[in-house]
Amino acid sequence: MISTDINYSPAAVRRLLLNLGATPRYIGFDYVIHAINLSMENSQYLLSVTKELYPDVAKKYHTTIYSVERDIRTVITAIWKRNPGLLSQIAGYPLEKKPTVGEFIAIMREYLLYHQETEHLQCPKESSFCSRNTARL
């Protein structure tokens, strides 16, 4: 896999998920954070979610790839039920249906990368993810 040097704050991933309605009470919460972090470090994970991303997350958490997939889907479902509007705003386009795991990871990655590049987070109006004057990734 090709690696890229991306400097970002892993805490930003956590804050974003919390704002979307996911909580650490879900087993998959940490799985999602790790999966997004891996994709931030190497975009190739987005091309092989089943063959590379799930196994690497499963290895870190000493579980199976099936549990990783299921538990990440559970987190995405919770977010989709609680805050589909904000998720669509973060995606930058209307989401007609709940995103797949790969789509969700890609949406989060691109959102975080975009705001890292601009160095100042421009939050959607309904978002309390950041303060418009002080937040930085």
Protein backbone atom coordinates (compact mmCIF):
# COMPACT_ATOMS: atom_id res chain seq x y z
CA MET A 1 0.00 0.00 0.00
CA ILE A 2 1.05 3.54 -0.71
CA SER A 3 1.32 5.72 2.37
CA THR A 4 0.64 9.43 2.55
CA ASP A 5 1.88 11.82 5.20
CA ILE A 6 -1.26 13.48 6.48
CA ASN A 7 -1.07 15.50 9.65
CA TYR A 8 -4.42 15.72 11.41
CA SER A 9 -5.91 15.49 14.86
CA PRO A 10 -7.42 12.08 15.67
CA ALA A 11 -9.53 13.89 18.28
CA ALA A 12 -11.31 15.61 15.39
CA VAL A 13 -12.62 12.24 14.23
CA ARG A 14 -14.03 11.55 17.69
CA ARG A 15 -15.64 14.99 17.96
CA LEU A 16 -17.22 14.63 14.55
CA LEU A 17 -18.72 11.23 15.39
CA LEU A 18 -20.05 12.51 18.70
CA ASN A 19 -21.65 15.47 16.97
CA LEU A 20 -23.30 13.14 14.47
CA GLY A 21 -24.91 11.21 17.33
CA ALA A 22 -22.59 8.23 17.76
CA THR A 23 -21.47 7.50 21.29
CA PRO A 24 -18.69 5.44 22.85
CA ARG A 25 -21.38 3.11 24.17
CA TYR A 26 -21.38 1.42 20.77
CA ILE A 27 -18.76 -1.28 20.39
CA GLY A 28 -18.14 -0.06 16.86
CA PHE A 29 -17.41 3.53 17.94
CA ASP A 30 -13.69 2.87 18.37
CA TYR A 31 -13.68 0.69 15.27
CA VAL A 32 -15.02 3.60 13.20
CA ILE A 33 -12.43 5.98 14.65
CA HIS A 34 -9.61 3.57 13.85
CA ALA A 35 -10.97 2.88 10.35
CA ILE A 36 -11.16 6.60 9.57
CA ASN A 37 -7.67 7.13 10.99
CA LEU A 38 -6.31 4.32 8.81
CA SER A 39 -7.97 5.81 5.73
CA MET A 40 -6.53 9.23 6.59
CA GLU A 41 -3.06 7.68 6.64
CA ASN A 42 -3.58 5.65 3.48
CA SER A 43 -6.38 6.20 0.97
CA GLN A 44 -5.91 2.67 -0.42
CA TYR A 45 -8.02 1.38 2.47
CA LEU A 46 -11.06 2.89 0.76
CA LEU A 47 -10.47 0.59 -2.20
CA SER A 48 -10.27 -2.59 -0.13
CA VAL A 49 -12.57 -2.20 2.82
CA THR A 50 -13.32 -5.91 3.16
CA LYS A 51 -9.87 -7.26 2.38
CA GLU A 52 -7.66 -4.74 4.18
CA LEU A 53 -9.56 -2.26 6.36
CA TYR A 54 -11.71 -4.73 8.31
CA PRO A 55 -8.80 -7.14 8.95
CA ASP A 56 -6.55 -4.34 10.20
CA VAL A 57 -9.23 -2.99 12.54
CA ALA A 58 -10.06 -6.53 13.71
CA LYS A 59 -6.40 -7.21 14.43
CA LYS A 60 -6.05 -4.11 16.59
CA TYR A 61 -9.18 -4.93 18.63
CA HIS A 62 -8.67 -8.72 18.72
CA THR A 63 -11.97 -9.51 17.08
CA THR A 64 -13.28 -10.84 13.76
CA ILE A 65 -13.77 -8.97 10.52
CA TYR A 66 -17.46 -9.89 10.74
CA SER A 67 -17.79 -8.19 14.10
CA VAL A 68 -15.99 -5.12 12.79
CA GLU A 69 -18.33 -4.84 9.81
CA ARG A 70 -21.48 -5.39 11.88
CA ASP A 71 -20.46 -3.01 14.66
CA ILE A 72 -19.47 -0.24 12.25
CA ARG A 73 -22.79 -0.67 10.43
CA THR A 74 -24.55 -0.32 13.78
CA VAL A 75 -22.82 3.02 14.41
CA ILE A 76 -23.71 4.23 10.91
CA THR A 77 -27.34 3.21 11.44
CA ALA A 78 -27.47 5.15 14.71
CA ILE A 79 -26.02 8.23 13.00
CA TRP A 80 -28.44 7.85 10.09
CA LYS A 81 -31.41 7.68 12.48
CA ARG A 82 -30.27 10.57 14.70
CA ASN A 83 -28.77 13.06 12.28
CA PRO A 84 -29.21 12.27 8.56
CA GLY A 85 -29.36 15.98 7.68
CA LEU A 86 -25.99 16.75 9.20
CA LEU A 87 -24.50 13.65 7.60
CA SER A 88 -25.75 14.88 4.21
CA GLN A 89 -24.26 18.31 4.85
CA ILE A 90 -20.93 16.74 5.76
CA ALA A 91 -21.09 14.60 2.62
CA GLY A 92 -21.69 17.72 0.55
CA TYR A 93 -24.59 16.17 -1.33
CA PRO A 94 -28.03 14.78 -0.41
CA LEU A 95 -27.87 11.21 0.82
CA GLU A 96 -30.90 9.27 -0.40
CA LYS A 97 -30.16 6.27 1.79
CA LYS A 98 -27.88 5.21 4.62
CA PRO A 99 -24.29 5.03 3.36
CA THR A 100 -22.36 1.78 3.26
CA VAL A 101 -19.33 1.40 5.48
CA GLY A 102 -16.98 2.31 2.63
CA GLU A 103 -19.06 5.34 1.67
CA PHE A 104 -19.27 6.51 5.27
CA ILE A 105 -15.52 6.21 5.85
CA ALA A 106 -14.87 8.07 2.58
CA ILE A 107 -17.30 10.86 3.53
CA MET A 108 -15.68 11.34 6.93
CA ARG A 109 -12.18 11.21 5.45
CA GLU A 110 -12.89 13.78 2.76
CA TYR A 111 -14.62 16.10 5.21
CA LEU A 112 -11.69 15.98 7.61
CA LEU A 113 -9.11 16.36 4.83
CA TYR A 114 -10.93 19.32 3.32
CA HIS A 115 -11.02 21.12 6.64
CA GLN A 116 -7.43 20.25 7.37
CA GLU A 117 -6.45 21.87 4.08
CA THR A 118 -8.43 25.02 4.78
CA GLU A 119 -7.15 24.95 8.39
CA HIS A 120 -10.39 26.40 9.65
CA LEU A 121 -13.48 24.31 10.07
CA GLN A 122 -16.54 25.70 8.33
CA CYS A 123 -19.34 23.90 10.13
CA PRO A 124 -22.82 23.29 8.81
CA LYS A 125 -25.33 25.67 10.39
CA GLU A 126 -26.96 23.00 12.55
CA SER A 127 -23.64 21.67 13.76
CA SER A 128 -22.21 22.21 17.20
CA PHE A 129 -19.08 20.32 16.09
CA CYS A 130 -17.03 23.45 16.37
CA SER A 131 -17.11 27.08 17.19
CA ARG A 132 -16.80 29.11 14.01
CA ASN A 133 -14.16 31.35 15.53
CA THR A 134 -11.88 28.90 17.29
CA ALA A 135 -12.08 25.37 15.95
CA ARG A 136 -9.16 23.84 14.16
CA LEU A 137 -8.43 20.25 13.35
